[in-house]
Amino acid sequence: MAFLGELLTHVADRGRALIGFERFMTQRNRPIDRLCEDLLSGRGEASGMALAQGVLEAWERLDKPGRRAFFARLQERFGPDHERLDRAIEAYRNEPGAATISALHLASEPRRQELLRRLNLA
């Protein structure tokens, strides 16, 4: 287990190097919901781990009311993409089947679900 922890720390360190340590330090002072947006918009695993670690560090700095407010923002801003969901519903209505129901399932997933998956990288 220690090996895995060291490996993940190394990958996160490499991610900080990839995005630039100074940029990483600047990002640490950004609002947590902005860090979450950045984490969702990124594709690189190493930089994603560094961003995820930044989100978790920002979480640690929040007080109890700040954490409640963060959960409220997750509910408001990180739900499903309503336009995509509407298109998937319409596609299913027009052509019910496995492909359209799969697309509907994917479209209904809130963005916060993917955010939690990415936070688990840290």
N, C-alpha and C. Protein backbone atom coordinates (compact mmCIF):
# COMPACT_ATOMS: atom_id res chain seq x y z
N MET A 1 0.82 -1.19 0.00
CA MET A 1 0.00 0.00 0.00
C MET A 1 0.87 1.26 0.00
N ALA A 2 1.99 1.22 0.71
CA ALA A 2 2.89 2.38 0.74
C ALA A 2 3.42 2.66 -0.66
N PHE A 3 3.71 1.61 -1.42
CA PHE A 3 4.20 1.79 -2.78
C PHE A 3 3.17 2.52 -3.63
N LEU A 4 1.91 2.12 -3.52
CA LEU A 4 0.85 2.75 -4.30
C LEU A 4 0.70 4.22 -3.92
N GLY A 5 0.73 4.51 -2.63
CA GLY A 5 0.64 5.90 -2.17
C GLY A 5 1.77 6.75 -2.71
N GLU A 6 3.00 6.19 -2.68
CA GLU A 6 4.15 6.91 -3.22
C GLU A 6 4.02 7.11 -4.73
N LEU A 7 3.53 6.09 -5.41
CA LEU A 7 3.34 6.19 -6.86
C LEU A 7 2.33 7.29 -7.20
N LEU A 8 1.21 7.32 -6.49
CA LEU A 8 0.19 8.35 -6.76
C LEU A 8 0.70 9.74 -6.42
N THR A 9 1.47 9.86 -5.35
CA THR A 9 2.07 11.16 -5.02
C THR A 9 3.02 11.59 -6.12
N HIS A 10 3.80 10.65 -6.64
CA HIS A 10 4.72 10.95 -7.74
C HIS A 10 3.96 11.42 -8.98
N VAL A 11 2.87 10.74 -9.30
CA VAL A 11 2.07 11.14 -10.47
C VAL A 11 1.49 12.53 -10.26
N ALA A 12 0.99 12.82 -9.05
CA ALA A 12 0.45 14.16 -8.77
C ALA A 12 1.55 15.21 -8.88
N ASP A 13 2.75 14.88 -8.38
CA ASP A 13 3.88 15.80 -8.51
C ASP A 13 4.22 16.06 -9.97
N ARG A 14 4.19 15.02 -10.77
CA ARG A 14 4.44 15.18 -12.22
C ARG A 14 3.34 16.05 -12.84
N GLY A 15 2.12 15.88 -12.38
CA GLY A 15 1.02 16.70 -12.88
C GLY A 15 1.24 18.17 -12.56
N ARG A 16 1.71 18.45 -11.35
CA ARG A 16 2.02 19.83 -10.99
C ARG A 16 3.14 20.36 -11.87
N ALA A 17 4.10 19.52 -12.18
CA ALA A 17 5.19 19.94 -13.07
C ALA A 17 4.66 20.22 -14.47
N LEU A 18 3.73 19.40 -14.94
CA LEU A 18 3.16 19.60 -16.27
C LEU A 18 2.37 20.89 -16.37
N ILE A 19 1.59 21.21 -15.35
CA ILE A 19 0.80 22.44 -15.43
C ILE A 19 1.60 23.63 -14.90
N GLY A 20 2.80 23.37 -14.44
CA GLY A 20 3.66 24.43 -13.93
C GLY A 20 3.38 24.65 -12.46
N PHE A 21 4.41 24.51 -11.63
CA PHE A 21 4.21 24.60 -10.19
C PHE A 21 3.65 25.96 -9.80
N GLU A 22 4.17 27.03 -10.43
CA GLU A 22 3.68 28.37 -10.09
C GLU A 22 2.19 28.49 -10.41
N ARG A 23 1.80 27.98 -11.58
CA ARG A 23 0.38 28.00 -11.95
C ARG A 23 -0.43 27.18 -10.96
N PHE A 24 0.11 26.03 -10.53
CA PHE A 24 -0.58 25.19 -9.55
C PHE A 24 -0.79 25.96 -8.24
N MET A 25 0.26 26.65 -7.78
CA MET A 25 0.15 27.41 -6.54
C MET A 25 -0.88 28.53 -6.68
N THR A 26 -0.93 29.17 -7.85
CA THR A 26 -1.93 30.20 -8.10
C THR A 26 -3.32 29.60 -8.06
N GLN A 27 -3.47 28.42 -8.66
CA GLN A 27 -4.78 27.76 -8.69
C GLN A 27 -5.25 27.38 -7.30
N ARG A 28 -4.33 27.10 -6.42
CA ARG A 28 -4.71 26.70 -5.06
C ARG A 28 -5.52 27.78 -4.37
N ASN A 29 -5.31 29.04 -4.76
CA ASN A 29 -6.02 30.14 -4.12
C ASN A 29 -7.31 30.52 -4.85
N ARG A 30 -7.65 29.77 -5.88
CA ARG A 30 -8.88 30.04 -6.62
C ARG A 30 -10.07 29.43 -5.87
N PRO A 31 -11.27 29.95 -6.13
CA PRO A 31 -12.46 29.37 -5.48
C PRO A 31 -12.61 27.88 -5.83
N ILE A 32 -13.10 27.13 -4.88
CA ILE A 32 -13.18 25.68 -5.05
C ILE A 32 -14.06 25.29 -6.24
N ASP A 33 -15.14 26.03 -6.48
CA ASP A 33 -15.99 25.64 -7.61
C ASP A 33 -15.30 25.90 -8.95
N ARG A 34 -14.41 26.91 -9.01
CA ARG A 34 -13.64 27.15 -10.23
C ARG A 34 -12.63 26.01 -10.44
N LEU A 35 -12.01 25.56 -9.35
CA LEU A 35 -11.10 24.41 -9.45
C LEU A 35 -11.85 23.17 -9.93
N CYS A 36 -13.08 23.01 -9.47
CA CYS A 36 -13.89 21.86 -9.91
C CYS A 36 -14.19 21.95 -11.40
N GLU A 37 -14.50 23.15 -11.89
CA GLU A 37 -14.73 23.34 -13.33
C GLU A 37 -13.48 22.97 -14.11
N ASP A 38 -12.33 23.42 -13.63
CA ASP A 38 -11.06 23.11 -14.30
C ASP A 38 -10.82 21.61 -14.32
N LEU A 39 -11.11 20.95 -13.22
CA LEU A 39 -10.91 19.51 -13.14
C LEU A 39 -11.80 18.78 -14.14
N LEU A 40 -13.04 19.23 -14.28
CA LEU A 40 -13.95 18.60 -15.23
C LEU A 40 -13.58 18.88 -16.67
N SER A 41 -12.97 20.02 -16.93
CA SER A 41 -12.65 20.37 -18.32
C SER A 41 -11.35 19.73 -18.80
N GLY A 42 -10.51 19.26 -17.89
CA GLY A 42 -9.23 18.69 -18.25
C GLY A 42 -9.31 17.24 -18.65
N ARG A 43 -8.32 16.80 -19.40
CA ARG A 43 -8.28 15.41 -19.87
C ARG A 43 -7.04 14.66 -19.37
N GLY A 44 -5.98 15.36 -19.03
CA GLY A 44 -4.75 14.68 -18.64
C GLY A 44 -4.84 14.09 -17.25
N GLU A 45 -4.38 12.86 -17.10
CA GLU A 45 -4.50 12.19 -15.82
C GLU A 45 -3.58 12.78 -14.76
N ALA A 46 -2.33 13.09 -15.14
CA ALA A 46 -1.40 13.64 -14.16
C ALA A 46 -1.83 15.03 -13.72
N SER A 47 -2.18 15.89 -14.67
CA SER A 47 -2.63 17.23 -14.30
C SER A 47 -3.97 17.14 -13.58
N GLY A 48 -4.80 16.18 -13.94
CA GLY A 48 -6.06 15.97 -13.25
C GLY A 48 -5.85 15.60 -11.80
N MET A 49 -4.86 14.77 -11.54
CA MET A 49 -4.56 14.40 -10.16
C MET A 49 -4.11 15.61 -9.36
N ALA A 50 -3.31 16.48 -10.00
CA ALA A 50 -2.85 17.68 -9.31
C ALA A 50 -4.02 18.61 -9.03
N LEU A 51 -4.91 18.77 -10.00
CA LEU A 51 -6.10 19.61 -9.78
C LEU A 51 -7.01 19.01 -8.72
N ALA A 52 -7.19 17.70 -8.75
CA ALA A 52 -8.02 17.03 -7.74
C ALA A 52 -7.45 17.26 -6.35
N GLN A 53 -6.14 17.19 -6.24
CA GLN A 53 -5.51 17.44 -4.95
C GLN A 53 -5.75 18.88 -4.52
N GLY A 54 -5.71 19.81 -5.48
CA GLY A 54 -6.00 21.21 -5.17
C GLY A 54 -7.43 21.41 -4.68
N VAL A 55 -8.38 20.71 -5.29
CA VAL A 55 -9.78 20.80 -4.85
C VAL A 55 -9.90 20.28 -3.42
N LEU A 56 -9.27 19.15 -3.14
CA LEU A 56 -9.36 18.58 -1.80
C LEU A 56 -8.69 19.47 -0.76
N GLU A 57 -7.60 20.12 -1.14
CA GLU A 57 -6.95 21.07 -0.22
C GLU A 57 -7.87 22.27 0.03
N ALA A 58 -8.53 22.75 -1.02
CA ALA A 58 -9.48 23.86 -0.85
C ALA A 58 -10.63 23.44 0.06
N TRP A 59 -11.09 22.20 -0.09
CA TRP A 59 -12.16 21.66 0.77
C TRP A 59 -11.72 21.69 2.23
N GLU A 60 -10.48 21.29 2.48
CA GLU A 60 -9.97 21.26 3.85
C GLU A 60 -9.96 22.66 4.47
N ARG A 61 -9.78 23.69 3.66
CA ARG A 61 -9.73 25.06 4.17
C ARG A 61 -11.12 25.64 4.43
N LEU A 62 -12.17 25.00 3.93
CA LEU A 62 -13.52 25.52 4.13
C LEU A 62 -14.00 25.25 5.55
N ASP A 63 -14.71 26.24 6.11
CA ASP A 63 -15.36 26.00 7.40
C ASP A 63 -16.70 25.31 7.15
N LYS A 64 -17.42 25.02 8.22
CA LYS A 64 -18.68 24.27 8.08
C LYS A 64 -19.69 24.98 7.17
N PRO A 65 -19.94 26.29 7.36
CA PRO A 65 -20.86 26.97 6.43
C PRO A 65 -20.35 26.98 4.99
N GLY A 66 -19.05 27.09 4.82
CA GLY A 66 -18.47 27.05 3.48
C GLY A 66 -18.68 25.71 2.81
N ARG A 67 -18.59 24.65 3.58
CA ARG A 67 -18.82 23.31 3.03
C ARG A 67 -20.29 23.12 2.64
N ARG A 68 -21.19 23.64 3.46
CA ARG A 68 -22.61 23.57 3.11
C ARG A 68 -22.88 24.34 1.82
N ALA A 69 -22.29 25.52 1.72
CA ALA A 69 -22.46 26.35 0.52
C ALA A 69 -21.89 25.63 -0.70
N PHE A 70 -20.77 24.95 -0.52
CA PHE A 70 -20.18 24.21 -1.64
C PHE A 70 -21.12 23.10 -2.11
N PHE A 71 -21.72 22.37 -1.19
CA PHE A 71 -22.68 21.33 -1.58
C PHE A 71 -23.88 21.93 -2.31
N ALA A 72 -24.32 23.10 -1.87
CA ALA A 72 -25.43 23.77 -2.56
C ALA A 72 -25.01 24.14 -3.99
N ARG A 73 -23.78 24.62 -4.17
CA ARG A 73 -23.29 24.96 -5.52
C ARG A 73 -23.16 23.70 -6.37
N LEU A 74 -22.74 22.59 -5.77
CA LEU A 74 -22.69 21.34 -6.53
C LEU A 74 -24.07 20.99 -7.06
N GLN A 75 -25.09 21.17 -6.22
CA GLN A 75 -26.46 20.87 -6.61
C GLN A 75 -26.91 21.79 -7.75
N GLU A 76 -26.59 23.08 -7.63
CA GLU A 76 -27.05 24.07 -8.60
C GLU A 76 -26.27 24.04 -9.92
N ARG A 77 -24.95 23.94 -9.83
CA ARG A 77 -24.10 24.16 -11.00
C ARG A 77 -23.54 22.90 -11.64
N PHE A 78 -23.61 21.79 -10.97
CA PHE A 78 -22.97 20.58 -11.48
C PHE A 78 -23.98 19.45 -11.69
N GLY A 79 -25.16 19.82 -12.11
CA GLY A 79 -26.19 18.84 -12.44
C GLY A 79 -26.02 18.40 -13.89
N PRO A 80 -27.01 17.70 -14.42
CA PRO A 80 -26.92 17.28 -15.82
C PRO A 80 -27.04 18.47 -16.77
N ASP A 81 -26.52 18.30 -17.96
CA ASP A 81 -26.65 19.29 -19.02
C ASP A 81 -28.08 19.18 -19.56
N HIS A 82 -28.91 20.16 -19.25
CA HIS A 82 -30.34 20.07 -19.58
C HIS A 82 -30.60 20.04 -21.09
N GLU A 83 -29.82 20.77 -21.86
CA GLU A 83 -30.01 20.74 -23.32
C GLU A 83 -29.69 19.36 -23.88
N ARG A 84 -28.59 18.79 -23.41
CA ARG A 84 -28.22 17.44 -23.84
C ARG A 84 -29.29 16.43 -23.42
N LEU A 85 -29.79 16.59 -22.21
CA LEU A 85 -30.83 15.70 -21.71
C LEU A 85 -32.11 15.82 -22.54
N ASP A 86 -32.50 17.05 -22.87
CA ASP A 86 -33.69 17.25 -23.71
C ASP A 86 -33.53 16.57 -25.07
N ARG A 87 -32.34 16.71 -25.66
CA ARG A 87 -32.09 16.07 -26.96
C ARG A 87 -32.16 14.55 -26.84
N ALA A 88 -31.61 14.01 -25.74
CA ALA A 88 -31.64 12.56 -25.55
C ALA A 88 -33.06 12.05 -25.33
N ILE A 89 -33.86 12.82 -24.61
CA ILE A 89 -35.27 12.44 -24.40
C ILE A 89 -35.99 12.42 -25.73
N GLU A 90 -35.79 13.47 -26.52
CA GLU A 90 -36.44 13.56 -27.82
C GLU A 90 -36.00 12.42 -28.74
N ALA A 91 -34.71 12.11 -28.73
CA ALA A 91 -34.20 11.01 -29.56
C ALA A 91 -34.83 9.68 -29.14
N TYR A 92 -34.97 9.48 -27.83
CA TYR A 92 -35.59 8.24 -27.35
C TYR A 92 -37.06 8.17 -27.74
N ARG A 93 -37.75 9.29 -27.63
CA ARG A 93 -39.16 9.31 -28.03
C ARG A 93 -39.32 8.99 -29.51
N ASN A 94 -38.41 9.52 -30.33
CA ASN A 94 -38.49 9.30 -31.77
C ASN A 94 -38.08 7.90 -32.18
N GLU A 95 -37.15 7.34 -31.43
CA GLU A 95 -36.63 6.02 -31.81
C GLU A 95 -36.23 5.24 -30.55
N PRO A 96 -37.20 4.67 -29.84
CA PRO A 96 -36.87 3.91 -28.64
C PRO A 96 -35.98 2.70 -28.97
N GLY A 97 -34.98 2.51 -28.18
CA GLY A 97 -34.09 1.38 -28.39
C GLY A 97 -32.92 1.44 -27.44
N ALA A 98 -32.07 0.43 -27.52
CA ALA A 98 -30.93 0.33 -26.61
C ALA A 98 -29.98 1.52 -26.74
N ALA A 99 -29.71 1.94 -27.97
CA ALA A 99 -28.76 3.04 -28.18
C ALA A 99 -29.29 4.35 -27.62
N THR A 100 -30.56 4.64 -27.87
CA THR A 100 -31.10 5.91 -27.39
C THR A 100 -31.34 5.90 -25.88
N ILE A 101 -31.64 4.74 -25.32
CA ILE A 101 -31.80 4.69 -23.86
C ILE A 101 -30.44 4.80 -23.18
N SER A 102 -29.41 4.26 -23.81
CA SER A 102 -28.06 4.42 -23.27
C SER A 102 -27.63 5.89 -23.31
N ALA A 103 -27.93 6.56 -24.41
CA ALA A 103 -27.62 7.98 -24.53
C ALA A 103 -28.40 8.80 -23.50
N LEU A 104 -29.64 8.42 -23.27
CA LEU A 104 -30.47 9.10 -22.27
C LEU A 104 -29.89 8.90 -20.87
N HIS A 105 -29.46 7.69 -20.59
CA HIS A 105 -28.84 7.41 -19.29
C HIS A 105 -27.60 8.28 -19.09
N LEU A 106 -26.74 8.34 -20.09
CA LEU A 106 -25.52 9.15 -19.99
C LEU A 106 -25.85 10.63 -19.84
N ALA A 107 -26.83 11.10 -20.58
CA ALA A 107 -27.20 12.52 -20.54
C ALA A 107 -27.80 12.91 -19.19
N SER A 108 -28.42 11.96 -18.50
CA SER A 108 -29.08 12.28 -17.23
C SER A 108 -28.10 12.31 -16.06
N GLU A 109 -26.89 11.86 -16.28
CA GLU A 109 -25.92 11.83 -15.18
C GLU A 109 -25.46 13.25 -14.84
N PRO A 110 -25.53 13.63 -13.58
CA PRO A 110 -25.08 14.97 -13.20
C PRO A 110 -23.56 15.09 -13.33
N ARG A 111 -23.11 16.28 -13.66
CA ARG A 111 -21.68 16.53 -13.80
C ARG A 111 -20.94 16.27 -12.49
N ARG A 112 -21.63 16.45 -11.37
CA ARG A 112 -20.96 16.22 -10.08
C ARG A 112 -20.55 14.76 -9.91
N GLN A 113 -21.21 13.85 -10.60
CA GLN A 113 -20.83 12.44 -10.54
C GLN A 113 -19.43 12.26 -11.13
N GLU A 114 -19.19 12.85 -12.29
CA GLU A 114 -17.85 12.78 -12.90
C GLU A 114 -16.84 13.53 -12.04
N LEU A 115 -17.26 14.63 -11.44
CA LEU A 115 -16.37 15.37 -10.55
C LEU A 115 -15.90 14.47 -9.41
N LEU A 116 -16.82 13.74 -8.80
CA LEU A 116 -16.45 12.84 -7.70
C LEU A 116 -15.52 11.74 -8.18
N ARG A 117 -15.75 11.23 -9.38
CA ARG A 117 -14.83 10.22 -9.94
C ARG A 117 -13.42 10.79 -10.05
N ARG A 118 -13.33 12.01 -10.56
CA ARG A 118 -12.01 12.62 -10.75
C ARG A 118 -11.36 12.98 -9.42
N LEU A 119 -12.16 13.37 -8.43
CA LEU A 119 -11.60 13.66 -7.11
C LEU A 119 -11.02 12.40 -6.48
N ASN A 120 -11.56 11.26 -6.82
CA ASN A 120 -11.03 10.00 -6.29
C ASN A 120 -9.64 9.70 -6.82
N LEU A 121 -9.17 10.44 -7.81
CA LEU A 121 -7.81 10.26 -8.31
C LEU A 121 -6.78 10.80 -7.33
N ALA A 122 -7.19 11.76 -6.50
CA ALA A 122 -6.22 12.42 -5.61
C ALA A 122 -5.88 11.54 -4.41
